[in-house]
Amino acid sequence: MQLHVARLCLDCQEVHDSQTCPICSSESFAYISRWIPAPERRLKPRPAEPAPQAETYRQLLASDRSDRTSPATSRWLKRGVFGLAAVSAAAWALKRKAAGDDAGSDRPPKAPSEGALR
């Protein structure tokens, strides 16, 4: 049994490598490598070799980016559109409020109630 797959049953303290304990059929366990560090099995890690398809995708994405505007330009454009929308919404709200105030002034004033006259 390899150390990195060895499990300690928390109920009967049996060491096993299956999903359930072979003695008590419990599923509660802890990996032994939690207390005993397992050394790396390879002496040297494998070098990361990119797949040939990855380079093709990189080239396609790079050419696609060069056709578009620069990130700074698009960021300023987005901010400008957002600012214009905010100013337009504020102007619309003020016009609507002013129109509501004018419509209210056309109504005749209410007659005072009898209780207010005394």
PDB file of N, CA and C in Angstrom:
ATOM      1  N   MET A   1       0.850  -1.171   0.000  1.00  0.00           N
ATOM      2  CA  MET A   1       0.000   0.000   0.000  1.00  0.00           C
ATOM      3  C   MET A   1       0.900   1.241   0.000  1.00  0.00           C
ATOM      4  N   GLN A   2       0.540   2.213  -0.830  1.00  0.00           N
ATOM      5  CA  GLN A   2       1.334   3.436  -0.907  1.00  0.00           C
ATOM      6  C   GLN A   2       0.866   4.428   0.155  1.00  0.00           C
ATOM      7  N   LEU A   3       1.805   5.222   0.636  1.00  0.00           N
ATOM      8  CA  LEU A   3       1.525   6.126   1.744  1.00  0.00           C
ATOM      9  C   LEU A   3       0.519   7.214   1.374  1.00  0.00           C
ATOM     10  N   HIS A   4       0.555   7.686   0.145  1.00  0.00           N
ATOM     11  CA  HIS A   4      -0.339   8.784  -0.221  1.00  0.00           C
ATOM     12  C   HIS A   4      -1.792   8.352  -0.387  1.00  0.00           C
ATOM     13  N   VAL A   5      -2.095   7.042  -0.417  1.00  0.00           N
ATOM     14  CA  VAL A   5      -3.475   6.564  -0.489  1.00  0.00           C
ATOM     15  C   VAL A   5      -3.917   5.849   0.782  1.00  0.00           C
ATOM     16  N   ALA A   6      -3.014   5.635   1.731  1.00  0.00           N
ATOM     17  CA  ALA A   6      -3.353   4.920   2.965  1.00  0.00           C
ATOM     18  C   ALA A   6      -4.281   5.763   3.830  1.00  0.00           C
ATOM     19  N   ARG A   7      -5.312   5.116   4.382  1.00  0.00           N
ATOM     20  CA  ARG A   7      -6.307   5.792   5.203  1.00  0.00           C
ATOM     21  C   ARG A   7      -6.395   5.115   6.565  1.00  0.00           C
ATOM     22  N   LEU A   8      -6.672   5.920   7.574  1.00  0.00           N
ATOM     23  CA  LEU A   8      -6.842   5.408   8.930  1.00  0.00           C
ATOM     24  C   LEU A   8      -8.315   5.519   9.285  1.00  0.00           C
ATOM     25  N   CYS A   9      -8.947   4.399   9.610  1.00  0.00           N
ATOM     26  CA  CYS A   9     -10.351   4.393  10.003  1.00  0.00           C
ATOM     27  C   CYS A   9     -10.466   5.098  11.352  1.00  0.00           C
ATOM     28  N   LEU A  10     -11.385   6.037  11.456  1.00  0.00           N
ATOM     29  CA  LEU A  10     -11.541   6.791  12.696  1.00  0.00           C
ATOM     30  C   LEU A  10     -12.363   6.038  13.733  1.00  0.00           C
ATOM     31  N   ASP A  11     -13.015   4.944  13.331  1.00  0.00           N
ATOM     32  CA  ASP A  11     -13.818   4.181  14.271  1.00  0.00           C
ATOM     33  C   ASP A  11     -13.039   3.016  14.893  1.00  0.00           C
ATOM     34  N   CYS A  12     -12.347   2.230  14.056  1.00  0.00           N
ATOM     35  CA  CYS A  12     -11.653   1.050  14.590  1.00  0.00           C
ATOM     36  C   CYS A  12     -10.130   1.141  14.451  1.00  0.00           C
ATOM     37  N   GLN A  13      -9.619   2.243  13.901  1.00  0.00           N
ATOM     38  CA  GLN A  13      -8.197   2.515  13.747  1.00  0.00           C
ATOM     39  C   GLN A  13      -7.480   1.494  12.858  1.00  0.00           C
ATOM     40  N   GLU A  14      -8.189   0.993  11.863  1.00  0.00           N
ATOM     41  CA  GLU A  14      -7.614   0.081  10.869  1.00  0.00           C
ATOM     42  C   GLU A  14      -7.039   0.913   9.724  1.00  0.00           C
ATOM     43  N   VAL A  15      -5.887   0.505   9.201  1.00  0.00           N
ATOM     44  CA  VAL A  15      -5.283   1.172   8.050  1.00  0.00           C
ATOM     45  C   VAL A  15      -5.739   0.432   6.794  1.00  0.00           C
ATOM     46  N   HIS A  16      -6.279   1.184   5.839  1.00  0.00           N
ATOM     47  CA  HIS A  16      -6.786   0.569   4.610  1.00  0.00           C
ATOM     48  C   HIS A  16      -6.657   1.575   3.476  1.00  0.00           C
ATOM     49  N   ASP A  17      -6.991   1.132   2.253  1.00  0.00           N
ATOM     50  CA  ASP A  17      -6.925   2.037   1.106  1.00  0.00           C
ATOM     51  C   ASP A  17      -8.222   2.058   0.304  1.00  0.00           C
ATOM     52  N   SER A  18      -9.291   1.495   0.822  1.00  0.00           N
ATOM     53  CA  SER A  18     -10.575   1.489   0.114  1.00  0.00           C
ATOM     54  C   SER A  18     -11.473   2.609   0.640  1.00  0.00           C
ATOM     55  N   GLN A  19     -12.620   2.805  -0.020  1.00  0.00           N
ATOM     56  CA  GLN A  19     -13.534   3.871   0.377  1.00  0.00           C
ATOM     57  C   GLN A  19     -14.157   3.596   1.742  1.00  0.00           C
ATOM     58  N   THR A  20     -14.451   2.333   2.033  1.00  0.00           N
ATOM     59  CA  THR A  20     -15.000   1.957   3.347  1.00  0.00           C
ATOM     60  C   THR A  20     -14.020   1.043   4.057  1.00  0.00           C
ATOM     61  N   CYS A  21     -14.080   1.055   5.362  1.00  0.00           N
ATOM     62  CA  CYS A  21     -13.185   0.219   6.165  1.00  0.00           C
ATOM     63  C   CYS A  21     -13.542  -1.254   5.963  1.00  0.00           C
ATOM     64  N   PRO A  22     -12.564  -2.115   5.696  1.00  0.00           N
ATOM     65  CA  PRO A  22     -12.874  -3.533   5.504  1.00  0.00           C
ATOM     66  C   PRO A  22     -13.288  -4.233   6.802  1.00  0.00           C
ATOM     67  N   ILE A  23     -12.987  -3.673   7.969  1.00  0.00           N
ATOM     68  CA  ILE A  23     -13.316  -4.301   9.250  1.00  0.00           C
ATOM     69  C   ILE A  23     -14.709  -3.895   9.729  1.00  0.00           C
ATOM     70  N   CYS A  24     -14.959  -2.576   9.818  1.00  0.00           N
ATOM     71  CA  CYS A  24     -16.222  -2.107  10.403  1.00  0.00           C
ATOM     72  C   CYS A  24     -17.161  -1.443   9.395  1.00  0.00           C
ATOM     73  N   SER A  25     -16.773  -1.340   8.142  1.00  0.00           N
ATOM     74  CA  SER A  25     -17.574  -0.746   7.059  1.00  0.00           C
ATOM     75  C   SER A  25     -17.882   0.727   7.277  1.00  0.00           C
ATOM     76  N   SER A  26     -17.069   1.394   8.044  1.00  0.00           N
ATOM     77  CA  SER A  26     -17.247   2.818   8.289  1.00  0.00           C
ATOM     78  C   SER A  26     -16.663   3.616   7.125  1.00  0.00           C
ATOM     79  N   GLU A  27     -17.257   4.767   6.855  1.00  0.00           N
ATOM     80  CA  GLU A  27     -16.749   5.647   5.805  1.00  0.00           C
ATOM     81  C   GLU A  27     -16.004   6.849   6.370  1.00  0.00           C
ATOM     82  N   SER A  28     -15.805   6.875   7.675  1.00  0.00           N
ATOM     83  CA  SER A  28     -15.063   7.987   8.282  1.00  0.00           C
ATOM     84  C   SER A  28     -13.597   7.598   8.392  1.00  0.00           C
ATOM     85  N   PHE A  29     -12.742   8.410   7.766  1.00  0.00           N
ATOM     86  CA  PHE A  29     -11.316   8.102   7.735  1.00  0.00           C
ATOM     87  C   PHE A  29     -10.518   9.385   7.656  1.00  0.00           C
ATOM     88  N   ALA A  30      -9.223   9.260   7.820  1.00  0.00           N
ATOM     89  CA  ALA A  30      -8.278  10.358   7.621  1.00  0.00           C
ATOM     90  C   ALA A  30      -7.085   9.786   6.883  1.00  0.00           C
ATOM     91  N   TYR A  31      -6.557  10.563   5.954  1.00  0.00           N
ATOM     92  CA  TYR A  31      -5.379  10.105   5.228  1.00  0.00           C
ATOM     93  C   TYR A  31      -4.175  10.104   6.161  1.00  0.00           C
ATOM     94  N   ILE A  32      -3.380   9.064   6.083  1.00  0.00           N
ATOM     95  CA  ILE A  32      -2.196   8.960   6.933  1.00  0.00           C
ATOM     96  C   ILE A  32      -1.165  10.011   6.546  1.00  0.00           C
ATOM     97  N   SER A  33      -1.161  10.431   5.305  1.00  0.00           N
ATOM     98  CA  SER A  33      -0.200  11.444   4.866  1.00  0.00           C
ATOM     99  C   SER A  33      -0.460  12.793   5.552  1.00  0.00           C
ATOM    100  N   ARG A  34      -1.549  12.891   6.285  1.00  0.00           N
ATOM    101  CA  ARG A  34      -1.820  14.095   7.075  1.00  0.00           C
ATOM    102  C   ARG A  34      -0.803  14.229   8.209  1.00  0.00           C
ATOM    103  N   TRP A  35      -0.381  13.096   8.771  1.00  0.00           N
ATOM    104  CA  TRP A  35       0.575  13.106   9.881  1.00  0.00           C
ATOM    105  C   TRP A  35       1.978  12.710   9.450  1.00  0.00           C
ATOM    106  N   ILE A  36       2.065  11.870   8.433  1.00  0.00           N
ATOM    107  CA  ILE A  36       3.376  11.417   7.928  1.00  0.00           C
ATOM    108  C   ILE A  36       3.522  11.974   6.522  1.00  0.00           C
ATOM    109  N   PRO A  37       4.408  12.954   6.318  1.00  0.00           N
ATOM    110  CA  PRO A  37       4.519  13.538   4.981  1.00  0.00           C
ATOM    111  C   PRO A  37       5.060  12.526   3.971  1.00  0.00           C
ATOM    112  N   ALA A  38       4.404  12.454   2.838  1.00  0.00           N
ATOM    113  CA  ALA A  38       4.837  11.555   1.773  1.00  0.00           C
ATOM    114  C   ALA A  38       5.802  12.302   0.862  1.00  0.00           C
ATOM    115  N   PRO A  39       6.994  11.760   0.630  1.00  0.00           N
ATOM    116  CA  PRO A  39       7.938  12.448  -0.259  1.00  0.00           C
ATOM    117  C   PRO A  39       7.438  12.407  -1.703  1.00  0.00           C
ATOM    118  N   GLU A  40       7.908  13.347  -2.488  1.00  0.00           N
ATOM    119  CA  GLU A  40       7.566  13.389  -3.914  1.00  0.00           C
ATOM    120  C   GLU A  40       8.092  12.124  -4.576  1.00  0.00           C
ATOM    121  N   ARG A  41       7.286  11.503  -5.394  1.00  0.00           N
ATOM    122  CA  ARG A  41       7.701  10.252  -6.023  1.00  0.00           C
ATOM    123  C   ARG A  41       8.709  10.465  -7.133  1.00  0.00           C
ATOM    124  N   ARG A  42       8.659  11.599  -7.808  1.00  0.00           N
ATOM    125  CA  ARG A  42       9.623  11.872  -8.872  1.00  0.00           C
ATOM    126  C   ARG A  42      10.781  12.669  -8.308  1.00  0.00           C
ATOM    127  N   LEU A  43      11.960  12.428  -8.818  1.00  0.00           N
ATOM    128  CA  LEU A  43      13.106  13.206  -8.392  1.00  0.00           C
ATOM    129  C   LEU A  43      13.076  14.591  -9.016  1.00  0.00           C
ATOM    130  N   LYS A  44      12.709  14.655 -10.306  1.00  0.00           N
ATOM    131  CA  LYS A  44      12.582  15.933 -10.993  1.00  0.00           C
ATOM    132  C   LYS A  44      11.153  16.052 -11.511  1.00  0.00           C
ATOM    133  N   PRO A  45      10.530  17.200 -11.304  1.00  0.00           N
ATOM    134  CA  PRO A  45       9.183  17.353 -11.870  1.00  0.00           C
ATOM    135  C   PRO A  45       9.239  17.413 -13.390  1.00  0.00           C
ATOM    136  N   ARG A  46       8.155  16.998 -14.004  1.00  0.00           N
ATOM    137  CA  ARG A  46       8.085  17.022 -15.461  1.00  0.00           C
ATOM    138  C   ARG A  46       8.098  18.453 -15.966  1.00  0.00           C
ATOM    139  N   PRO A  47       8.793  18.709 -17.068  1.00  0.00           N
ATOM    140  CA  PRO A  47       8.744  20.061 -17.639  1.00  0.00           C
ATOM    141  C   PRO A  47       7.381  20.295 -18.287  1.00  0.00           C
ATOM    142  N   ALA A  48       6.907  21.485 -18.141  1.00  0.00           N
ATOM    143  CA  ALA A  48       5.610  21.826 -18.724  1.00  0.00           C
ATOM    144  C   ALA A  48       5.797  22.136 -20.198  1.00  0.00           C
ATOM    145  N   GLU A  49       5.308  21.259 -21.046  1.00  0.00           N
ATOM    146  CA  GLU A  49       5.414  21.436 -22.487  1.00  0.00           C
ATOM    147  C   GLU A  49       4.046  21.872 -23.014  1.00  0.00           C
ATOM    148  N   PRO A  50       3.975  23.042 -23.584  1.00  0.00           N
ATOM    149  CA  PRO A  50       2.676  23.478 -24.108  1.00  0.00           C
ATOM    150  C   PRO A  50       2.284  22.647 -25.334  1.00  0.00           C
ATOM    151  N   ALA A  51       1.020  22.423 -25.438  1.00  0.00           N
ATOM    152  CA  ALA A  51       0.507  21.671 -26.584  1.00  0.00           C
ATOM    153  C   ALA A  51       0.622  22.526 -27.840  1.00  0.00           C
ATOM    154  N   PRO A  52       0.823  21.903 -29.018  1.00  0.00           N
ATOM    155  CA  PRO A  52       0.920  22.693 -30.251  1.00  0.00           C
ATOM    156  C   PRO A  52      -0.375  23.456 -30.547  1.00  0.00           C
ATOM    157  N   GLN A  53      -1.513  22.929 -30.105  1.00  0.00           N
ATOM    158  CA  GLN A  53      -2.778  23.616 -30.332  1.00  0.00           C
ATOM    159  C   GLN A  53      -2.850  24.909 -29.530  1.00  0.00           C
ATOM    160  N   ALA A  54      -2.220  24.931 -28.358  1.00  0.00           N
ATOM    161  CA  ALA A  54      -2.262  26.133 -27.525  1.00  0.00           C
ATOM    162  C   ALA A  54      -1.587  27.302 -28.235  1.00  0.00           C
ATOM    163  N   GLU A  55      -0.483  27.038 -28.909  1.00  0.00           N
ATOM    164  CA  GLU A  55       0.206  28.109 -29.635  1.00  0.00           C
ATOM    165  C   GLU A  55      -0.651  28.640 -30.777  1.00  0.00           C
ATOM    166  N   THR A  56      -1.373  27.765 -31.435  1.00  0.00           N
ATOM    167  CA  THR A  56      -2.270  28.180 -32.514  1.00  0.00           C
ATOM    168  C   THR A  56      -3.351  29.108 -31.979  1.00  0.00           C
ATOM    169  N   TYR A  57      -3.943  28.734 -30.838  1.00  0.00           N
ATOM    170  CA  TYR A  57      -4.968  29.578 -30.234  1.00  0.00           C
ATOM    171  C   TYR A  57      -4.386  30.925 -29.801  1.00  0.00           C
ATOM    172  N   ARG A  58      -3.185  30.938 -29.271  1.00  0.00           N
ATOM    173  CA  ARG A  58      -2.545  32.194 -28.871  1.00  0.00           C
ATOM    174  C   ARG A  58      -2.379  33.121 -30.072  1.00  0.00           C
ATOM    175  N   GLN A  59      -1.959  32.563 -31.197  1.00  0.00           N
ATOM    176  CA  GLN A  59      -1.775  33.381 -32.394  1.00  0.00           C
ATOM    177  C   GLN A  59      -3.107  33.939 -32.893  1.00  0.00           C
ATOM    178  N   LEU A  60      -4.150  33.106 -32.855  1.00  0.00           N
ATOM    179  CA  LEU A  60      -5.460  33.578 -33.291  1.00  0.00           C
ATOM    180  C   LEU A  60      -5.977  34.686 -32.387  1.00  0.00           C
ATOM    181  N   LEU A  61      -5.808  34.534 -31.088  1.00  0.00           N
ATOM    182  CA  LEU A  61      -6.273  35.547 -30.147  1.00  0.00           C
ATOM    183  C   LEU A  61      -5.466  36.832 -30.260  1.00  0.00           C
ATOM    184  N   ALA A  62      -4.175  36.724 -30.492  1.00  0.00           N
ATOM    185  CA  ALA A  62      -3.333  37.915 -30.615  1.00  0.00           C
ATOM    186  C   ALA A  62      -3.716  38.707 -31.850  1.00  0.00           C
ATOM    187  N   SER A  63      -3.998  38.046 -32.961  1.00  0.00           N
ATOM    188  CA  SER A  63      -4.381  38.771 -34.173  1.00  0.00           C
ATOM    189  C   SER A  63      -5.761  39.388 -34.000  1.00  0.00           C
ATOM    190  N   ASP A  64      -6.639  38.747 -33.251  1.00  0.00           N
ATOM    191  CA  ASP A  64      -7.967  39.272 -33.001  1.00  0.00           C
ATOM    192  C   ASP A  64      -7.888  40.540 -32.153  1.00  0.00           C
ATOM    193  N   ARG A  65      -7.000  40.576 -31.196  1.00  0.00           N
ATOM    194  CA  ARG A  65      -6.849  41.741 -30.325  1.00  0.00           C
ATOM    195  C   ARG A  65      -6.284  42.938 -31.081  1.00  0.00           C
ATOM    196  N   SER A  66      -5.407  42.700 -32.036  1.00  0.00           N
ATOM    197  CA  SER A  66      -4.800  43.822 -32.755  1.00  0.00           C
ATOM    198  C   SER A  66      -5.815  44.530 -33.643  1.00  0.00           C
ATOM    199  N   ASP A  67      -6.886  43.840 -34.036  1.00  0.00           N
ATOM    200  CA  ASP A  67      -7.904  44.460 -34.876  1.00  0.00           C
ATOM    201  C   ASP A  67      -8.794  45.407 -34.084  1.00  0.00           C
ATOM    202  N   ARG A  68      -8.968  45.135 -32.814  1.00  0.00           N
ATOM    203  CA  ARG A  68      -9.844  45.954 -31.986  1.00  0.00           C
ATOM    204  C   ARG A  68      -9.096  47.167 -31.440  1.00  0.00           C
ATOM    205  N   THR A  69      -9.860  48.043 -30.788  1.00  0.00           N
ATOM    206  CA  THR A  69      -9.248  49.216 -30.180  1.00  0.00           C
ATOM    207  C   THR A  69      -8.455  48.805 -28.953  1.00  0.00           C
ATOM    208  N   SER A  70      -7.614  49.690 -28.500  1.00  0.00           N
ATOM    209  CA  SER A  70      -6.785  49.379 -27.339  1.00  0.00           C
ATOM    210  C   SER A  70      -7.664  49.331 -26.095  1.00  0.00           C
ATOM    211  N   PRO A  71      -7.216  48.643 -25.037  1.00  0.00           N
ATOM    212  CA  PRO A  71      -8.024  48.539 -23.813  1.00  0.00           C
ATOM    213  C   PRO A  71      -8.294  49.897 -23.169  1.00  0.00           C
ATOM    214  N   ALA A  72      -7.329  50.814 -23.232  1.00  0.00           N
ATOM    215  CA  ALA A  72      -7.535  52.127 -22.627  1.00  0.00           C
ATOM    216  C   ALA A  72      -8.632  52.891 -23.358  1.00  0.00           C
ATOM    217  N   THR A  73      -8.631  52.786 -24.675  1.00  0.00           N
ATOM    218  CA  THR A  73      -9.648  53.484 -25.462  1.00  0.00           C
ATOM    219  C   THR A  73     -11.031  52.922 -25.169  1.00  0.00           C
ATOM    220  N   SER A  74     -11.146  51.618 -25.117  1.00  0.00           N
ATOM    221  CA  SER A  74     -12.455  51.023 -24.848  1.00  0.00           C
ATOM    222  C   SER A  74     -12.914  51.342 -23.425  1.00  0.00           C
ATOM    223  N   ARG A  75     -11.987  51.427 -22.490  1.00  0.00           N
ATOM    224  CA  ARG A  75     -12.358  51.765 -21.115  1.00  0.00           C
ATOM    225  C   ARG A  75     -12.921  53.185 -21.053  1.00  0.00           C
ATOM    226  N   TRP A  76     -12.271  54.135 -21.736  1.00  0.00           N
ATOM    227  CA  TRP A  76     -12.762  55.513 -21.745  1.00  0.00           C
ATOM    228  C   TRP A  76     -14.087  55.616 -22.480  1.00  0.00           C
ATOM    229  N   LEU A  77     -14.245  54.833 -23.514  1.00  0.00           N
ATOM    230  CA  LEU A  77     -15.503  54.840 -24.252  1.00  0.00           C
ATOM    231  C   LEU A  77     -16.643  54.349 -23.364  1.00  0.00           C
ATOM    232  N   LYS A  78     -16.407  53.278 -22.625  1.00  0.00           N
ATOM    233  CA  LYS A  78     -17.428  52.752 -21.709  1.00  0.00           C
ATOM    234  C   LYS A  78     -17.765  53.773 -20.635  1.00  0.00           C
ATOM    235  N   ARG A  79     -16.754  54.428 -20.087  1.00  0.00           N
ATOM    236  CA  ARG A  79     -17.006  55.442 -19.058  1.00  0.00           C
ATOM    237  C   ARG A  79     -17.812  56.606 -19.624  1.00  0.00           C
ATOM    238  N   GLY A  80     -17.499  57.009 -20.857  1.00  0.00           N
ATOM    239  CA  GLY A  80     -18.230  58.102 -21.477  1.00  0.00           C
ATOM    240  C   GLY A  80     -19.685  57.751 -21.705  1.00  0.00           C
ATOM    241  N   VAL A  81     -19.943  56.545 -22.174  1.00  0.00           N
ATOM    242  CA  VAL A  81     -21.319  56.105 -22.405  1.00  0.00           C
ATOM    243  C   VAL A  81     -22.068  56.045 -21.078  1.00  0.00           C
ATOM    244  N   PHE A  82     -21.426  55.541 -20.046  1.00  0.00           N
ATOM    245  CA  PHE A  82     -22.072  55.463 -18.733  1.00  0.00           C
ATOM    246  C   PHE A  82     -22.360  56.868 -18.197  1.00  0.00           C
ATOM    247  N   GLY A  83     -21.407  57.785 -18.352  1.00  0.00           N
ATOM    248  CA  GLY A  83     -21.608  59.156 -17.897  1.00  0.00           C
ATOM    249  C   GLY A  83     -22.745  59.839 -18.639  1.00  0.00           C
ATOM    250  N   LEU A  84     -22.800  59.658 -19.950  1.00  0.00           N
ATOM    251  CA  LEU A  84     -23.873  60.232 -20.750  1.00  0.00           C
ATOM    252  C   LEU A  84     -25.227  59.676 -20.321  1.00  0.00           C
ATOM    253  N   ALA A  85     -25.287  58.386 -20.060  1.00  0.00           N
ATOM    254  CA  ALA A  85     -26.544  57.774 -19.616  1.00  0.00           C
ATOM    255  C   ALA A  85     -26.960  58.328 -18.254  1.00  0.00           C
ATOM    256  N   ALA A  86     -26.006  58.525 -17.354  1.00  0.00           N
ATOM    257  CA  ALA A  86     -26.324  59.056 -16.032  1.00  0.00           C
ATOM    258  C   ALA A  86     -26.837  60.483 -16.124  1.00  0.00           C
ATOM    259  N   VAL A  87     -26.196  61.322 -16.927  1.00  0.00           N
ATOM    260  CA  VAL A  87     -26.636  62.707 -17.092  1.00  0.00           C
ATOM    261  C   VAL A  87     -28.007  62.746 -17.749  1.00  0.00           C
ATOM    262  N   SER A  88     -28.245  61.913 -18.740  1.00  0.00           N
ATOM    263  CA  SER A  88     -29.544  61.870 -19.418  1.00  0.00           C
ATOM    264  C   SER A  88     -30.648  61.445 -18.450  1.00  0.00           C
ATOM    265  N   ALA A  89     -30.378  60.470 -17.619  1.00  0.00           N
ATOM    266  CA  ALA A  89     -31.370  60.005 -16.652  1.00  0.00           C
ATOM    267  C   ALA A  89     -31.677  61.104 -15.634  1.00  0.00           C
ATOM    268  N   ALA A  90     -30.657  61.828 -15.198  1.00  0.00           N
ATOM    269  CA  ALA A  90     -30.879  62.922 -14.243  1.00  0.00           C
ATOM    270  C   ALA A  90     -31.703  64.033 -14.886  1.00  0.00           C
ATOM    271  N   ALA A  91     -31.391  64.386 -16.126  1.00  0.00           N
ATOM    272  CA  ALA A  91     -32.150  65.432 -16.825  1.00  0.00           C
ATOM    273  C   ALA A  91     -33.599  65.012 -17.020  1.00  0.00           C
ATOM    274  N   TRP A  92     -33.831  63.764 -17.358  1.00  0.00           N
ATOM    275  CA  TRP A  92     -35.188  63.249 -17.542  1.00  0.00           C
ATOM    276  C   TRP A  92     -35.960  63.321 -16.234  1.00  0.00           C
ATOM    277  N   ALA A  93     -35.297  62.940 -15.125  1.00  0.00           N
ATOM    278  CA  ALA A  93     -35.967  62.975 -13.822  1.00  0.00           C
ATOM    279  C   ALA A  93     -36.309  64.410 -13.430  1.00  0.00           C
ATOM    280  N   LEU A  94     -35.417  65.366 -13.687  1.00  0.00           N
ATOM    281  CA  LEU A  94     -35.701  66.765 -13.358  1.00  0.00           C
ATOM    282  C   LEU A  94     -36.842  67.322 -14.202  1.00  0.00           C
ATOM    283  N   LYS A  95     -36.868  66.977 -15.500  1.00  0.00           N
ATOM    284  CA  LYS A  95     -37.954  67.426 -16.368  1.00  0.00           C
ATOM    285  C   LYS A  95     -39.288  66.868 -15.885  1.00  0.00           C
ATOM    286  N   ARG A  96     -39.273  65.627 -15.510  1.00  0.00           N
ATOM    287  CA  ARG A  96     -40.503  64.975 -15.052  1.00  0.00           C
ATOM    288  C   ARG A  96     -40.996  65.619 -13.759  1.00  0.00           C
ATOM    289  N   LYS A  97     -40.068  65.929 -12.857  1.00  0.00           N
ATOM    290  CA  LYS A  97     -40.445  66.559 -11.600  1.00  0.00           C
ATOM    291  C   LYS A  97     -40.987  67.965 -11.853  1.00  0.00           C
ATOM    292  N   ALA A  98     -40.314  68.706 -12.745  1.00  0.00           N
ATOM    293  CA  ALA A  98     -40.777  70.061 -13.066  1.00  0.00           C
ATOM    294  C   ALA A  98     -42.147  70.012 -13.726  1.00  0.00           C
ATOM    295  N   ALA A  99     -42.396  69.064 -14.591  1.00  0.00           N
ATOM    296  CA  ALA A  99     -43.697  68.923 -15.246  1.00  0.00           C
ATOM    297  C   ALA A  99     -44.759  68.566 -14.214  1.00  0.00           C
ATOM    298  N   GLY A 100     -44.419  67.774 -13.226  1.00  0.00           N
ATOM    299  CA  GLY A 100     -45.368  67.414 -12.164  1.00  0.00           C
ATOM    300  C   GLY A 100     -45.699  68.602 -11.290  1.00  0.00           C
ATOM    301  N   ASP A 101     -44.715  69.475 -11.023  1.00  0.00           N
ATOM    302  CA  ASP A 101     -44.954  70.670 -10.213  1.00  0.00           C
ATOM    303  C   ASP A 101     -45.843  71.658 -10.957  1.00  0.00           C
ATOM    304  N   ASP A 102     -45.632  71.830 -12.266  1.00  0.00           N
ATOM    305  CA  ASP A 102     -46.440  72.750 -13.058  1.00  0.00           C
ATOM    306  C   ASP A 102     -47.879  72.266 -13.155  1.00  0.00           C
ATOM    307  N   ALA A 103     -48.076  70.976 -13.298  1.00  0.00           N
ATOM    308  CA  ALA A 103     -49.426  70.426 -13.402  1.00  0.00           C
ATOM    309  C   ALA A 103     -50.167  70.617 -12.094  1.00  0.00           C
ATOM    310  N   GLY A 104     -49.493  70.584 -10.992  1.00  0.00           N
ATOM    311  CA  GLY A 104     -50.125  70.760  -9.693  1.00  0.00           C
ATOM    312  C   GLY A 104     -50.530  72.197  -9.455  1.00  0.00           C
ATOM    313  N   SER A 105     -49.876  73.188 -10.065  1.00  0.00           N
ATOM    314  CA  SER A 105     -50.202  74.594  -9.847  1.00  0.00           C
ATOM    315  C   SER A 105     -51.440  75.015 -10.633  1.00  0.00           C
ATOM    316  N   ASP A 106     -51.871  74.234 -11.650  1.00  0.00           N
ATOM    317  CA  ASP A 106     -53.050  74.564 -12.431  1.00  0.00           C
ATOM    318  C   ASP A 106     -54.337  74.255 -11.677  1.00  0.00           C
ATOM    319  N   ARG A 107     -54.279  73.455 -10.659  1.00  0.00           N
ATOM    320  CA  ARG A 107     -55.477  73.093  -9.905  1.00  0.00           C
ATOM    321  C   ARG A 107     -55.902  74.263  -9.024  1.00  0.00           C
ATOM    322  N   PRO A 108     -57.191  74.426  -8.856  1.00  0.00           N
ATOM    323  CA  PRO A 108     -57.644  75.491  -7.941  1.00  0.00           C
ATOM    324  C   PRO A 108     -57.309  75.109  -6.507  1.00  0.00           C
ATOM    325  N   PRO A 109     -57.053  76.093  -5.659  1.00  0.00           N
ATOM    326  CA  PRO A 109     -56.719  75.766  -4.271  1.00  0.00           C
ATOM    327  C   PRO A 109     -57.924  75.169  -3.570  1.00  0.00           C
ATOM    328  N   LYS A 110     -57.658  74.311  -2.611  1.00  0.00           N
ATOM    329  CA  LYS A 110     -58.735  73.662  -1.857  1.00  0.00           C
ATOM    330  C   LYS A 110     -59.393  74.676  -0.936  1.00  0.00           C
ATOM    331  N   ALA A 111     -60.665  74.498  -0.775  1.00  0.00           N
ATOM    332  CA  ALA A 111     -61.389  75.356   0.172  1.00  0.00           C
ATOM    333  C   ALA A 111     -61.026  74.911   1.571  1.00  0.00           C
ATOM    334  N   PRO A 112     -60.802  75.854   2.472  1.00  0.00           N
ATOM    335  CA  PRO A 112     -60.449  75.460   3.845  1.00  0.00           C
ATOM    336  C   PRO A 112     -61.646  74.757   4.499  1.00  0.00           C
ATOM    337  N   SER A 113     -61.336  73.812   5.338  1.00  0.00           N
ATOM    338  CA  SER A 113     -62.369  73.066   6.015  1.00  0.00           C
ATOM    339  C   SER A 113     -62.969  73.937   7.114  1.00  0.00           C
ATOM    340  N   GLU A 114     -64.157  73.573   7.592  1.00  0.00           N
ATOM    341  CA  GLU A 114     -64.852  74.377   8.584  1.00  0.00           C
ATOM    342  C   GLU A 114     -64.093  74.417   9.896  1.00  0.00           C
ATOM    343  N   GLY A 115     -63.400  73.360  10.220  1.00  0.00           N
ATOM    344  CA  GLY A 115     -62.665  73.319  11.475  1.00  0.00           C
ATOM    345  C   GLY A 115     -61.483  74.264  11.457  1.00  0.00           C
ATOM    346  N   ALA A 116     -60.947  74.562  10.306  1.00  0.00           N
ATOM    347  CA  ALA A 116     -59.796  75.447  10.200  1.00  0.00           C
ATOM    348  C   ALA A 116     -60.233  76.905  10.308  1.00  0.00           C
ATOM    349  N   LEU A 117     -61.494  77.240  10.007  1.00  0.00           N
ATOM    350  CA  LEU A 117     -61.958  78.625  10.061  1.00  0.00           C
ATOM    351  C   LEU A 117     -62.183  79.083  11.493  1.00  0.00           C
ATOM    352  N   ARG A 118     -62.506  78.246  12.377  1.00  0.00           N
ATOM    353  CA  ARG A 118     -62.831  78.644  13.738  1.00  0.00           C
ATOM    354  C   ARG A 118     -61.647  78.906  14.560  1.00  0.00           C
TER     355      ARG A 118
END
